């Protein structure tokens, strides 16, 4: 029986290889920040791999065993989008979403400050306040991406935006590359059911602490 590393009323965090765990889960939407194509092989603990495309392709193949609604993949602006050819035409491209930062940085000769979410699949349900789907999130402030022990953490405000716009209330969101748990934290805030998978136990611990802290704050507001 598959045992979660950590769980809440809304979701479960699993520690292990997503390629082994994904076939055992049920979900409607995939929202993830995978190992990028130019990620240094020794940057991420336990991800000492030289073939991120093959990893992503294997993951997508497993994801599409399910009849899911959408796949949303977050990448930095300097990542080769041909990486996304791993997503087959059976999951049609819908749109991109700009995820800007207030304070840009430098990546060699490139001015950084943007990430891009690539949205495949169908749009969310049409309804009040959700008739037109925007293509740009609010710029993330410096404090919205504080150091947390993971080398590739993402801005929580961006994932709040993606969880809200790329899923409907009753849909379960799965993140197969959970990292420090940003997707799960955003799901907890929006009351969305979720499942998250992270191969590194050290990063699972970071994610669990972040989710727990978020829930404690939500209880205070309640």
N, C-alpha and C. Protein backbone atom coordinates (compact mmCIF):
# COMPACT_ATOMS: atom_id res chain seq x y z
N UNK A 1 0.84 -1.20 0.00
CA UNK A 1 0.00 0.00 0.00
C UNK A 1 0.87 1.24 0.00
N UNK A 2 0.53 2.21 -0.86
CA UNK A 2 1.31 3.43 -0.98
C UNK A 2 1.08 4.31 0.25
N UNK A 3 2.18 4.64 0.94
CA UNK A 3 2.08 5.41 2.18
C UNK A 3 2.63 6.81 1.96
N UNK A 4 1.84 7.85 2.27
CA UNK A 4 2.33 9.22 2.08
C UNK A 4 3.39 9.60 3.10
N UNK A 5 4.27 10.49 2.73
CA UNK A 5 5.27 11.05 3.63
C UNK A 5 4.61 12.03 4.59
N UNK A 6 3.61 12.75 4.06
CA UNK A 6 2.89 13.76 4.84
C UNK A 6 1.53 13.94 4.19
N UNK A 7 0.51 14.25 4.99
CA UNK A 7 -0.81 14.46 4.41
C UNK A 7 -1.62 15.47 5.21
N UNK A 8 -2.57 16.09 4.52
CA UNK A 8 -3.53 17.00 5.12
C UNK A 8 -4.92 16.53 4.72
N UNK A 9 -5.94 17.28 5.09
CA UNK A 9 -7.29 16.94 4.67
C UNK A 9 -7.45 17.04 3.16
N UNK A 10 -6.65 17.89 2.51
CA UNK A 10 -6.78 18.13 1.08
C UNK A 10 -5.85 17.28 0.22
N UNK A 11 -4.68 16.92 0.73
CA UNK A 11 -3.73 16.27 -0.15
C UNK A 11 -2.69 15.42 0.55
N UNK A 12 -1.86 14.78 -0.29
CA UNK A 12 -0.82 13.89 0.21
C UNK A 12 0.48 14.14 -0.53
N UNK A 13 1.57 14.12 0.24
CA UNK A 13 2.92 14.26 -0.29
C UNK A 13 3.60 12.90 -0.21
N UNK A 14 4.15 12.43 -1.34
CA UNK A 14 4.82 11.13 -1.41
C UNK A 14 6.31 11.33 -1.66
N UNK A 15 7.13 10.53 -1.00
CA UNK A 15 8.57 10.56 -1.19
C UNK A 15 8.97 9.38 -2.05
N UNK A 16 9.52 9.65 -3.24
CA UNK A 16 9.93 8.58 -4.12
C UNK A 16 10.01 9.06 -5.56
N UNK A 17 10.26 8.13 -6.45
CA UNK A 17 10.37 8.42 -7.89
C UNK A 17 8.96 8.54 -8.47
N UNK A 18 8.68 9.67 -9.10
CA UNK A 18 7.33 9.90 -9.63
C UNK A 18 6.93 8.84 -10.66
N UNK A 19 7.91 8.25 -11.34
CA UNK A 19 7.59 7.25 -12.35
C UNK A 19 7.05 5.96 -11.72
N UNK A 20 7.36 5.75 -10.46
CA UNK A 20 6.84 4.59 -9.74
C UNK A 20 5.52 4.90 -9.04
N UNK A 21 5.34 6.15 -8.63
CA UNK A 21 4.18 6.53 -7.83
C UNK A 21 2.99 6.99 -8.67
N UNK A 22 3.23 7.68 -9.77
CA UNK A 22 2.15 8.25 -10.58
C UNK A 22 1.07 7.23 -10.97
N UNK A 23 1.43 6.00 -11.41
CA UNK A 23 0.38 5.06 -11.81
C UNK A 23 -0.58 4.68 -10.69
N UNK A 24 -0.22 4.98 -9.45
CA UNK A 24 -1.06 4.60 -8.32
C UNK A 24 -1.97 5.72 -7.84
N UNK A 25 -1.92 6.88 -8.50
CA UNK A 25 -2.67 8.05 -8.06
C UNK A 25 -3.79 8.42 -9.02
N UNK A 26 -4.78 9.15 -8.51
CA UNK A 26 -5.85 9.71 -9.31
C UNK A 26 -5.76 11.23 -9.26
N UNK A 27 -5.88 11.89 -10.40
CA UNK A 27 -5.78 13.34 -10.44
C UNK A 27 -6.37 13.84 -11.76
N UNK A 28 -6.62 15.15 -11.82
CA UNK A 28 -7.25 15.76 -12.99
C UNK A 28 -6.34 16.71 -13.75
N UNK A 29 -5.41 17.33 -13.02
CA UNK A 29 -4.54 18.36 -13.59
C UNK A 29 -3.11 18.11 -13.12
N UNK A 30 -2.14 18.31 -14.02
CA UNK A 30 -0.73 18.28 -13.64
C UNK A 30 -0.19 19.70 -13.71
N UNK A 31 0.34 20.19 -12.61
CA UNK A 31 0.99 21.49 -12.53
C UNK A 31 2.36 21.26 -11.93
N UNK A 32 3.41 21.53 -12.71
CA UNK A 32 4.73 21.14 -12.24
C UNK A 32 5.84 22.00 -12.80
N UNK A 33 6.96 21.98 -12.11
CA UNK A 33 8.19 22.66 -12.49
C UNK A 33 9.25 21.56 -12.57
N UNK A 34 9.40 20.92 -13.73
CA UNK A 34 10.26 19.73 -13.82
C UNK A 34 11.75 20.10 -13.84
N UNK A 35 12.59 19.07 -13.90
CA UNK A 35 14.02 19.30 -14.07
C UNK A 35 14.22 19.90 -15.46
N UNK A 36 14.76 21.11 -15.52
CA UNK A 36 14.87 21.84 -16.78
C UNK A 36 15.98 21.28 -17.66
N UNK A 37 15.91 21.54 -18.97
CA UNK A 37 16.88 20.94 -19.90
C UNK A 37 18.33 21.33 -19.67
N UNK A 38 18.60 22.53 -19.12
CA UNK A 38 20.00 22.89 -18.88
C UNK A 38 20.35 22.90 -17.39
N UNK A 39 19.60 22.12 -16.61
CA UNK A 39 19.88 22.02 -15.18
C UNK A 39 21.23 21.30 -14.96
N UNK A 40 22.14 21.90 -14.19
CA UNK A 40 23.41 21.21 -13.91
C UNK A 40 23.14 19.84 -13.28
N UNK A 41 23.88 18.85 -13.72
CA UNK A 41 23.61 17.47 -13.31
C UNK A 41 23.74 17.25 -11.82
N UNK A 42 24.52 18.10 -11.13
CA UNK A 42 24.74 17.90 -9.69
C UNK A 42 24.02 18.94 -8.84
N UNK A 43 23.08 19.71 -9.44
CA UNK A 43 22.41 20.77 -8.68
C UNK A 43 21.40 20.23 -7.68
N UNK A 44 20.59 19.28 -8.11
CA UNK A 44 19.51 18.77 -7.27
C UNK A 44 19.88 17.44 -6.65
N UNK A 45 19.69 17.33 -5.37
CA UNK A 45 19.97 16.09 -4.66
C UNK A 45 19.17 14.94 -5.28
N UNK A 46 19.86 13.84 -5.58
CA UNK A 46 19.29 12.63 -6.17
C UNK A 46 18.85 12.81 -7.62
N UNK A 47 19.07 13.99 -8.20
CA UNK A 47 18.74 14.17 -9.61
C UNK A 47 20.03 14.27 -10.43
N UNK A 48 21.01 13.47 -10.10
CA UNK A 48 22.28 13.51 -10.82
C UNK A 48 22.10 12.78 -12.15
N UNK A 49 21.39 13.46 -13.06
CA UNK A 49 21.06 12.86 -14.35
C UNK A 49 21.53 13.76 -15.47
N UNK A 50 21.75 13.19 -16.62
CA UNK A 50 22.18 13.97 -17.77
C UNK A 50 21.10 14.01 -18.85
N UNK A 51 19.93 13.42 -18.58
CA UNK A 51 18.88 13.34 -19.59
C UNK A 51 17.53 13.79 -19.03
N UNK A 52 17.38 15.10 -18.74
CA UNK A 52 16.10 15.57 -18.20
C UNK A 52 14.94 15.41 -19.17
N UNK A 53 15.21 15.48 -20.49
CA UNK A 53 14.12 15.30 -21.47
C UNK A 53 13.53 13.90 -21.35
N UNK A 54 14.39 12.90 -21.24
CA UNK A 54 13.91 11.52 -21.14
C UNK A 54 13.10 11.33 -19.86
N UNK A 55 13.55 11.94 -18.77
CA UNK A 55 12.81 11.87 -17.51
C UNK A 55 11.42 12.50 -17.67
N UNK A 56 11.39 13.68 -18.29
CA UNK A 56 10.11 14.38 -18.48
C UNK A 56 9.19 13.59 -19.41
N UNK A 57 9.76 13.04 -20.47
CA UNK A 57 8.95 12.27 -21.42
C UNK A 57 8.35 11.03 -20.76
N UNK A 58 9.14 10.32 -19.97
CA UNK A 58 8.62 9.14 -19.26
C UNK A 58 7.49 9.55 -18.31
N UNK A 59 7.68 10.67 -17.65
CA UNK A 59 6.66 11.16 -16.71
C UNK A 59 5.37 11.51 -17.44
N UNK A 60 5.48 12.22 -18.56
CA UNK A 60 4.30 12.60 -19.34
C UNK A 60 3.57 11.36 -19.86
N UNK A 61 4.32 10.38 -20.32
CA UNK A 61 3.69 9.14 -20.80
C UNK A 61 2.87 8.47 -19.71
N UNK A 62 3.36 8.51 -18.48
CA UNK A 62 2.62 7.92 -17.36
C UNK A 62 1.40 8.77 -17.01
N UNK A 63 1.58 10.09 -17.06
CA UNK A 63 0.48 11.01 -16.76
C UNK A 63 -0.70 10.77 -17.71
N UNK A 64 -0.40 10.57 -18.98
CA UNK A 64 -1.45 10.49 -19.98
C UNK A 64 -2.15 9.13 -20.03
N UNK A 65 -1.75 8.23 -19.14
CA UNK A 65 -2.54 7.00 -18.96
C UNK A 65 -3.91 7.39 -18.41
N UNK A 66 -3.94 8.47 -17.63
CA UNK A 66 -5.19 8.98 -17.06
C UNK A 66 -5.88 9.91 -18.07
N UNK A 67 -7.16 10.08 -17.93
CA UNK A 67 -7.92 11.04 -18.73
C UNK A 67 -7.90 12.38 -18.00
N UNK A 68 -6.76 13.08 -18.07
CA UNK A 68 -6.64 14.32 -17.33
C UNK A 68 -7.08 15.52 -18.18
N UNK A 69 -7.33 16.63 -17.50
CA UNK A 69 -7.85 17.82 -18.17
C UNK A 69 -6.75 18.70 -18.76
N UNK A 70 -5.67 18.85 -17.97
CA UNK A 70 -4.64 19.78 -18.41
C UNK A 70 -3.27 19.45 -17.82
N UNK A 71 -2.22 19.92 -18.52
CA UNK A 71 -0.84 19.86 -18.05
C UNK A 71 -0.28 21.28 -18.14
N UNK A 72 0.24 21.78 -17.03
CA UNK A 72 0.85 23.11 -17.00
C UNK A 72 2.29 22.95 -16.52
N UNK A 73 3.23 23.36 -17.38
CA UNK A 73 4.66 23.17 -17.11
C UNK A 73 5.34 24.52 -16.99
N UNK A 74 6.03 24.76 -15.89
CA UNK A 74 6.72 26.02 -15.66
C UNK A 74 8.19 25.88 -16.02
N UNK A 75 8.69 26.83 -16.82
CA UNK A 75 10.10 26.85 -17.21
C UNK A 75 10.61 28.28 -17.19
N UNK A 76 11.93 28.42 -17.02
CA UNK A 76 12.53 29.75 -17.05
C UNK A 76 12.59 30.24 -18.50
N UNK A 77 12.69 31.54 -18.67
CA UNK A 77 12.64 32.13 -20.02
C UNK A 77 13.77 31.67 -20.93
N UNK A 78 14.88 31.17 -20.36
CA UNK A 78 16.01 30.77 -21.20
C UNK A 78 16.08 29.26 -21.40
N UNK A 79 14.97 28.55 -21.13
CA UNK A 79 14.93 27.11 -21.37
C UNK A 79 14.38 26.83 -22.77
N UNK A 80 14.99 25.89 -23.45
CA UNK A 80 14.59 25.55 -24.82
C UNK A 80 13.18 24.96 -24.82
N UNK A 81 12.20 25.64 -25.43
CA UNK A 81 10.83 25.12 -25.39
C UNK A 81 10.63 23.82 -26.16
N UNK A 82 11.63 23.42 -26.97
CA UNK A 82 11.51 22.13 -27.65
C UNK A 82 11.52 20.96 -26.67
N UNK A 83 11.94 21.25 -25.45
CA UNK A 83 11.83 20.29 -24.35
C UNK A 83 10.39 19.79 -24.22
N UNK A 84 9.43 20.65 -24.55
CA UNK A 84 8.02 20.35 -24.37
C UNK A 84 7.43 19.48 -25.48
N UNK A 85 8.24 19.09 -26.44
CA UNK A 85 7.75 18.15 -27.45
C UNK A 85 7.45 16.79 -26.83
N UNK A 86 7.83 16.61 -25.58
CA UNK A 86 7.47 15.39 -24.86
C UNK A 86 5.96 15.31 -24.64
N UNK A 87 5.27 16.46 -24.68
CA UNK A 87 3.81 16.47 -24.54
C UNK A 87 3.21 16.19 -25.92
N UNK A 88 2.48 15.10 -26.11
CA UNK A 88 1.98 14.72 -27.43
C UNK A 88 0.83 15.62 -27.91
N UNK A 89 0.53 15.52 -29.20
CA UNK A 89 -0.53 16.34 -29.79
C UNK A 89 -1.91 15.98 -29.26
N UNK A 90 -2.04 14.81 -28.65
CA UNK A 90 -3.32 14.44 -28.05
C UNK A 90 -3.69 15.37 -26.89
N UNK A 91 -2.70 16.09 -26.34
CA UNK A 91 -2.92 17.11 -25.32
C UNK A 91 -2.59 18.45 -25.98
N UNK A 92 -3.56 19.07 -26.66
CA UNK A 92 -3.28 20.26 -27.47
C UNK A 92 -2.80 21.44 -26.65
N UNK A 93 -1.96 22.25 -27.26
CA UNK A 93 -1.45 23.47 -26.61
C UNK A 93 -2.58 24.48 -26.48
N UNK A 94 -2.68 25.12 -25.30
CA UNK A 94 -3.72 26.12 -25.07
C UNK A 94 -3.15 27.54 -25.06
N UNK A 95 -2.17 27.82 -24.20
CA UNK A 95 -1.56 29.15 -24.18
C UNK A 95 -0.35 29.16 -23.25
N UNK A 96 0.41 30.27 -23.29
CA UNK A 96 1.47 30.51 -22.31
C UNK A 96 0.99 31.53 -21.29
N UNK A 97 1.63 31.51 -20.14
CA UNK A 97 1.36 32.50 -19.09
C UNK A 97 2.69 33.04 -18.61
N UNK A 98 2.85 34.36 -18.63
CA UNK A 98 4.07 35.00 -18.14
C UNK A 98 4.02 35.08 -16.62
N UNK A 99 5.13 34.71 -16.00
CA UNK A 99 5.26 34.74 -14.54
C UNK A 99 6.43 35.68 -14.21
N UNK A 100 6.16 36.98 -14.12
CA UNK A 100 7.25 37.96 -13.97
C UNK A 100 7.67 38.16 -12.51
N UNK A 101 8.86 38.73 -12.36
CA UNK A 101 9.39 39.13 -11.06
C UNK A 101 9.61 40.64 -11.06
N UNK A 102 9.39 41.26 -9.92
CA UNK A 102 9.60 42.71 -9.81
C UNK A 102 11.07 43.05 -10.00
N UNK A 103 11.95 42.23 -9.41
CA UNK A 103 13.39 42.49 -9.47
C UNK A 103 14.05 41.50 -10.41
N UNK A 104 14.38 41.91 -11.63
CA UNK A 104 15.07 41.00 -12.55
C UNK A 104 16.50 40.75 -12.11
N UNK A 105 17.05 39.63 -12.58
CA UNK A 105 18.44 39.31 -12.30
C UNK A 105 19.18 39.07 -13.60
N UNK A 106 20.46 38.76 -13.50
CA UNK A 106 21.27 38.51 -14.68
C UNK A 106 21.65 37.04 -14.74
N UNK A 107 21.50 36.45 -15.92
CA UNK A 107 21.91 35.07 -16.18
C UNK A 107 22.89 35.15 -17.35
N UNK A 108 24.19 35.31 -17.03
CA UNK A 108 25.15 35.58 -18.09
C UNK A 108 24.83 36.92 -18.74
N UNK A 109 24.65 36.94 -20.05
CA UNK A 109 24.32 38.17 -20.78
C UNK A 109 22.81 38.37 -20.90
N UNK A 110 22.03 37.46 -20.31
CA UNK A 110 20.58 37.55 -20.41
C UNK A 110 20.01 38.21 -19.16
N UNK A 111 19.11 39.16 -19.36
CA UNK A 111 18.41 39.77 -18.24
C UNK A 111 17.27 38.85 -17.85
N UNK A 112 17.32 38.36 -16.64
CA UNK A 112 16.30 37.44 -16.18
C UNK A 112 15.10 38.18 -15.61
N UNK A 113 14.25 37.44 -14.93
CA UNK A 113 13.09 38.07 -14.30
C UNK A 113 11.77 37.53 -14.76
N UNK A 114 11.76 36.53 -15.59
CA UNK A 114 10.51 35.94 -16.06
C UNK A 114 10.61 34.42 -16.09
N UNK A 115 9.51 33.78 -15.73
CA UNK A 115 9.32 32.36 -16.01
C UNK A 115 8.07 32.26 -16.87
N UNK A 116 7.90 31.13 -17.51
CA UNK A 116 6.77 30.95 -18.42
C UNK A 116 6.08 29.64 -18.10
N UNK A 117 4.77 29.68 -17.98
CA UNK A 117 3.98 28.47 -17.80
C UNK A 117 3.36 28.10 -19.14
N UNK A 118 3.58 26.88 -19.58
CA UNK A 118 3.03 26.37 -20.84
C UNK A 118 1.82 25.50 -20.50
N UNK A 119 0.69 25.88 -21.02
CA UNK A 119 -0.60 25.26 -20.67
C UNK A 119 -1.06 24.39 -21.83
N UNK A 120 -1.22 23.10 -21.56
CA UNK A 120 -1.73 22.15 -22.54
C UNK A 120 -3.07 21.60 -22.05
N UNK A 121 -3.97 21.33 -22.99
CA UNK A 121 -5.26 20.76 -22.62
C UNK A 121 -6.37 21.78 -22.71
N UNK A 122 -7.44 21.52 -22.00
CA UNK A 122 -8.63 22.35 -22.12
C UNK A 122 -8.62 23.51 -21.14
N UNK A 123 -9.39 24.58 -21.41
CA UNK A 123 -9.51 25.66 -20.43
C UNK A 123 -10.38 25.25 -19.26
N UNK A 124 -10.35 26.06 -18.21
CA UNK A 124 -11.23 25.82 -17.07
C UNK A 124 -12.66 26.20 -17.45
N UNK A 125 -13.61 25.85 -16.59
CA UNK A 125 -15.01 26.12 -16.86
C UNK A 125 -15.27 27.62 -16.96
N UNK A 126 -16.13 27.97 -17.88
CA UNK A 126 -16.56 29.36 -18.07
C UNK A 126 -17.48 29.76 -16.92
N UNK A 127 -17.26 30.94 -16.34
CA UNK A 127 -18.12 31.36 -15.24
C UNK A 127 -17.81 32.77 -14.81
N UNK A 128 -18.53 33.30 -13.83
CA UNK A 128 -18.31 34.67 -13.34
C UNK A 128 -16.86 34.88 -12.89
N UNK A 129 -16.25 35.92 -13.42
CA UNK A 129 -14.86 36.21 -13.06
C UNK A 129 -13.84 35.34 -13.75
N UNK A 130 -14.30 34.38 -14.55
CA UNK A 130 -13.38 33.45 -15.24
C UNK A 130 -13.79 33.27 -16.69
N UNK A 131 -14.30 34.34 -17.27
CA UNK A 131 -14.75 34.26 -18.67
C UNK A 131 -13.58 34.36 -19.63
N UNK A 132 -12.62 35.22 -19.32
CA UNK A 132 -11.43 35.39 -20.15
C UNK A 132 -10.21 35.03 -19.31
N UNK A 133 -9.40 34.12 -19.82
CA UNK A 133 -8.23 33.65 -19.08
C UNK A 133 -7.03 34.53 -19.42
N UNK A 134 -6.49 35.27 -18.44
CA UNK A 134 -5.36 36.17 -18.72
C UNK A 134 -4.07 35.40 -18.96
N UNK A 135 -3.09 36.10 -19.50
CA UNK A 135 -1.82 35.45 -19.84
C UNK A 135 -0.64 35.98 -19.07
N UNK A 136 -0.91 36.69 -17.98
CA UNK A 136 0.19 37.26 -17.20
C UNK A 136 -0.21 37.33 -15.74
N UNK A 137 0.60 36.76 -14.87
CA UNK A 137 0.38 36.85 -13.43
C UNK A 137 0.94 38.17 -12.92
N UNK A 138 0.56 38.56 -11.72
CA UNK A 138 1.15 39.75 -11.10
C UNK A 138 2.63 39.50 -10.82
N UNK A 139 3.47 40.52 -10.96
CA UNK A 139 4.89 40.34 -10.67
C UNK A 139 5.13 39.90 -9.23
N UNK A 140 6.00 38.93 -9.05
CA UNK A 140 6.32 38.44 -7.70
C UNK A 140 7.29 39.39 -7.02
N UNK A 141 6.98 39.73 -5.78
CA UNK A 141 7.86 40.56 -4.98
C UNK A 141 9.04 39.73 -4.46
N UNK A 142 10.17 40.37 -4.13
CA UNK A 142 11.33 39.61 -3.64
C UNK A 142 11.01 38.71 -2.46
N UNK A 143 10.16 39.16 -1.54
CA UNK A 143 9.84 38.37 -0.36
C UNK A 143 8.95 37.19 -0.62
N UNK A 144 8.41 37.06 -1.85
CA UNK A 144 7.53 35.95 -2.18
C UNK A 144 8.30 34.73 -2.67
N UNK A 145 9.63 34.83 -2.67
CA UNK A 145 10.45 33.67 -3.01
C UNK A 145 11.66 33.64 -2.06
N UNK A 146 11.41 33.51 -0.77
CA UNK A 146 12.52 33.51 0.19
C UNK A 146 13.29 32.20 0.13
N UNK A 147 14.58 32.22 0.50
CA UNK A 147 15.36 30.97 0.55
C UNK A 147 14.71 29.99 1.52
N UNK A 148 14.60 28.74 1.11
CA UNK A 148 13.97 27.75 2.00
C UNK A 148 14.74 26.44 2.07
N UNK A 149 15.94 26.42 1.50
CA UNK A 149 16.75 25.20 1.53
C UNK A 149 16.74 24.41 0.24
N UNK A 150 15.87 24.80 -0.70
CA UNK A 150 15.83 24.16 -2.02
C UNK A 150 16.47 25.10 -3.04
N UNK A 151 17.37 24.61 -3.90
CA UNK A 151 18.08 25.50 -4.82
C UNK A 151 17.22 26.07 -5.94
N UNK A 152 16.04 25.52 -6.17
CA UNK A 152 15.21 25.96 -7.29
C UNK A 152 13.78 26.25 -6.84
N UNK A 153 13.64 26.94 -5.72
CA UNK A 153 12.29 27.25 -5.24
C UNK A 153 11.61 28.22 -6.21
N UNK A 154 10.29 28.22 -6.20
CA UNK A 154 9.50 29.09 -7.06
C UNK A 154 8.70 30.08 -6.22
N UNK A 155 8.24 31.15 -6.86
CA UNK A 155 7.46 32.17 -6.16
C UNK A 155 6.06 31.64 -5.87
N UNK A 156 5.66 31.69 -4.61
CA UNK A 156 4.35 31.18 -4.22
C UNK A 156 3.23 31.96 -4.92
N UNK A 157 3.40 33.27 -5.10
CA UNK A 157 2.34 34.07 -5.74
C UNK A 157 2.06 33.60 -7.16
N UNK A 158 3.09 33.15 -7.87
CA UNK A 158 2.88 32.64 -9.22
C UNK A 158 2.06 31.35 -9.20
N UNK A 159 2.37 30.49 -8.24
CA UNK A 159 1.65 29.22 -8.19
C UNK A 159 0.24 29.38 -7.63
N UNK A 160 0.03 30.38 -6.79
CA UNK A 160 -1.34 30.71 -6.39
C UNK A 160 -2.16 31.05 -7.64
N UNK A 161 -1.58 31.87 -8.49
CA UNK A 161 -2.25 32.30 -9.73
C UNK A 161 -2.56 31.09 -10.60
N UNK A 162 -1.57 30.21 -10.78
CA UNK A 162 -1.75 29.05 -11.65
C UNK A 162 -2.78 28.08 -11.09
N UNK A 163 -2.75 27.85 -9.78
CA UNK A 163 -3.74 26.96 -9.18
C UNK A 163 -5.15 27.51 -9.39
N UNK A 164 -5.32 28.80 -9.20
CA UNK A 164 -6.64 29.41 -9.37
C UNK A 164 -7.13 29.34 -10.81
N UNK A 165 -6.26 29.73 -11.75
CA UNK A 165 -6.70 29.85 -13.15
C UNK A 165 -6.64 28.55 -13.93
N UNK A 166 -5.80 27.61 -13.54
CA UNK A 166 -5.62 26.39 -14.34
C UNK A 166 -6.33 25.18 -13.75
N UNK A 167 -7.20 25.40 -12.77
CA UNK A 167 -7.97 24.28 -12.22
C UNK A 167 -9.33 24.77 -11.76
N UNK A 168 -10.29 23.86 -11.77
CA UNK A 168 -11.60 24.14 -11.19
C UNK A 168 -11.64 23.59 -9.77
N UNK A 169 -12.60 24.05 -8.98
CA UNK A 169 -12.60 23.77 -7.55
C UNK A 169 -12.58 22.28 -7.21
N UNK A 170 -13.25 21.48 -8.01
CA UNK A 170 -13.39 20.05 -7.68
C UNK A 170 -12.25 19.19 -8.24
N UNK A 171 -11.31 19.80 -8.96
CA UNK A 171 -10.25 19.04 -9.61
C UNK A 171 -9.04 18.84 -8.70
N UNK A 172 -8.45 17.66 -8.79
CA UNK A 172 -7.24 17.34 -8.02
C UNK A 172 -6.01 17.69 -8.85
N UNK A 173 -5.09 18.43 -8.25
CA UNK A 173 -3.86 18.84 -8.91
C UNK A 173 -2.72 17.94 -8.46
N UNK A 174 -1.92 17.47 -9.40
CA UNK A 174 -0.76 16.63 -9.11
C UNK A 174 0.52 17.33 -9.54
N UNK A 175 1.52 17.34 -8.67
CA UNK A 175 2.85 17.86 -9.01
C UNK A 175 3.85 16.72 -8.85
N UNK A 176 4.33 16.13 -9.96
CA UNK A 176 5.27 15.00 -9.86
C UNK A 176 6.69 15.39 -9.50
N UNK A 177 7.01 16.70 -9.57
CA UNK A 177 8.34 17.19 -9.21
C UNK A 177 8.14 18.27 -8.14
N UNK A 178 7.76 17.87 -6.95
CA UNK A 178 7.23 18.80 -5.96
C UNK A 178 8.26 19.75 -5.36
N UNK A 179 9.54 19.35 -5.35
CA UNK A 179 10.56 20.23 -4.79
C UNK A 179 10.25 20.63 -3.36
N UNK A 180 10.18 21.93 -3.11
CA UNK A 180 9.91 22.42 -1.76
C UNK A 180 8.42 22.61 -1.48
N UNK A 181 7.55 22.09 -2.36
CA UNK A 181 6.13 22.02 -2.06
C UNK A 181 5.31 23.25 -2.40
N UNK A 182 5.78 24.09 -3.31
CA UNK A 182 5.07 25.33 -3.62
C UNK A 182 3.68 25.06 -4.19
N UNK A 183 3.55 24.09 -5.08
CA UNK A 183 2.24 23.76 -5.65
C UNK A 183 1.27 23.33 -4.56
N UNK A 184 1.73 22.48 -3.65
CA UNK A 184 0.87 21.99 -2.57
C UNK A 184 0.42 23.12 -1.65
N UNK A 185 1.34 24.03 -1.33
CA UNK A 185 1.00 25.17 -0.47
C UNK A 185 -0.07 26.03 -1.15
N UNK A 186 0.09 26.29 -2.45
CA UNK A 186 -0.89 27.08 -3.18
C UNK A 186 -2.24 26.37 -3.23
N UNK A 187 -2.24 25.06 -3.36
CA UNK A 187 -3.49 24.29 -3.35
C UNK A 187 -4.19 24.40 -2.01
N UNK A 188 -3.43 24.32 -0.93
CA UNK A 188 -4.02 24.45 0.40
C UNK A 188 -4.70 25.81 0.55
N UNK A 189 -4.07 26.86 0.03
CA UNK A 189 -4.64 28.20 0.15
C UNK A 189 -5.97 28.30 -0.60
N UNK A 190 -6.05 27.65 -1.76
CA UNK A 190 -7.25 27.73 -2.58
C UNK A 190 -8.26 26.63 -2.27
N UNK A 191 -7.92 25.72 -1.36
CA UNK A 191 -8.84 24.64 -1.03
C UNK A 191 -8.95 23.60 -2.12
N UNK A 192 -7.90 23.44 -2.94
CA UNK A 192 -7.90 22.46 -4.01
C UNK A 192 -7.31 21.14 -3.51
N UNK A 193 -7.91 20.01 -3.84
CA UNK A 193 -7.28 18.72 -3.53
C UNK A 193 -6.00 18.56 -4.34
N UNK A 194 -4.99 17.88 -3.76
CA UNK A 194 -3.70 17.80 -4.42
C UNK A 194 -2.98 16.49 -4.08
N UNK A 195 -2.00 16.18 -4.94
CA UNK A 195 -1.05 15.10 -4.70
C UNK A 195 0.31 15.60 -5.17
N UNK A 196 1.35 15.35 -4.40
CA UNK A 196 2.69 15.83 -4.75
C UNK A 196 3.69 14.71 -4.53
N UNK A 197 4.70 14.66 -5.40
CA UNK A 197 5.73 13.63 -5.34
C UNK A 197 7.10 14.30 -5.40
N UNK A 198 8.00 13.91 -4.51
CA UNK A 198 9.36 14.43 -4.51
C UNK A 198 10.31 13.28 -4.16
N UNK A 199 11.36 13.13 -4.95
CA UNK A 199 12.27 12.00 -4.78
C UNK A 199 13.21 12.17 -3.59
N UNK A 200 13.51 13.41 -3.22
CA UNK A 200 14.46 13.66 -2.14
C UNK A 200 13.74 13.78 -0.80
N UNK A 201 14.14 12.98 0.17
CA UNK A 201 13.52 13.06 1.49
C UNK A 201 13.81 14.40 2.16
N UNK A 202 15.01 14.96 1.89
CA UNK A 202 15.36 16.25 2.47
C UNK A 202 14.40 17.34 1.98
N UNK A 203 14.06 17.30 0.69
CA UNK A 203 13.13 18.30 0.15
C UNK A 203 11.70 18.00 0.57
N UNK A 204 11.37 16.72 0.77
CA UNK A 204 10.05 16.38 1.31
C UNK A 204 9.86 16.99 2.68
N UNK A 205 10.92 16.97 3.48
CA UNK A 205 10.84 17.54 4.82
C UNK A 205 10.60 19.04 4.75
N UNK A 206 11.29 19.71 3.83
CA UNK A 206 11.08 21.16 3.64
C UNK A 206 9.63 21.42 3.22
N UNK A 207 9.15 20.63 2.26
CA UNK A 207 7.78 20.80 1.76
C UNK A 207 6.76 20.58 2.87
N UNK A 208 6.94 19.53 3.65
CA UNK A 208 5.99 19.22 4.73
C UNK A 208 5.93 20.35 5.75
N UNK A 209 7.08 20.91 6.09
CA UNK A 209 7.11 22.02 7.04
C UNK A 209 6.42 23.25 6.47
N UNK A 210 6.60 23.51 5.18
CA UNK A 210 5.94 24.67 4.56
C UNK A 210 4.43 24.48 4.53
N UNK A 211 3.98 23.30 4.19
CA UNK A 211 2.53 23.03 4.14
C UNK A 211 1.93 23.14 5.54
N UNK A 212 2.63 22.59 6.53
CA UNK A 212 2.15 22.66 7.91
C UNK A 212 2.05 24.11 8.37
N UNK A 213 3.07 24.90 8.06
CA UNK A 213 3.07 26.32 8.45
C UNK A 213 1.92 27.06 7.78
N UNK A 214 1.68 26.76 6.50
CA UNK A 214 0.58 27.39 5.78
C UNK A 214 -0.75 27.07 6.43
N UNK A 215 -0.95 25.83 6.81
CA UNK A 215 -2.22 25.44 7.42
C UNK A 215 -2.40 26.08 8.80
N UNK A 216 -1.33 26.24 9.53
CA UNK A 216 -1.42 26.92 10.82
C UNK A 216 -1.84 28.38 10.63
N UNK A 217 -1.30 29.02 9.58
CA UNK A 217 -1.67 30.41 9.30
C UNK A 217 -3.12 30.51 8.85
N UNK A 218 -3.56 29.55 8.03
CA UNK A 218 -4.94 29.54 7.58
C UNK A 218 -5.91 29.37 8.74
N UNK A 219 -5.55 28.54 9.73
CA UNK A 219 -6.39 28.35 10.91
C UNK A 219 -6.51 29.64 11.71
N UNK A 220 -5.42 30.42 11.77
CA UNK A 220 -5.46 31.70 12.49
C UNK A 220 -6.43 32.65 11.82
N UNK A 221 -6.41 32.69 10.48
CA UNK A 221 -7.31 33.58 9.75
C UNK A 221 -8.76 33.11 9.88
N UNK A 222 -8.96 31.78 9.89
CA UNK A 222 -10.31 31.25 10.07
C UNK A 222 -10.88 31.64 11.43
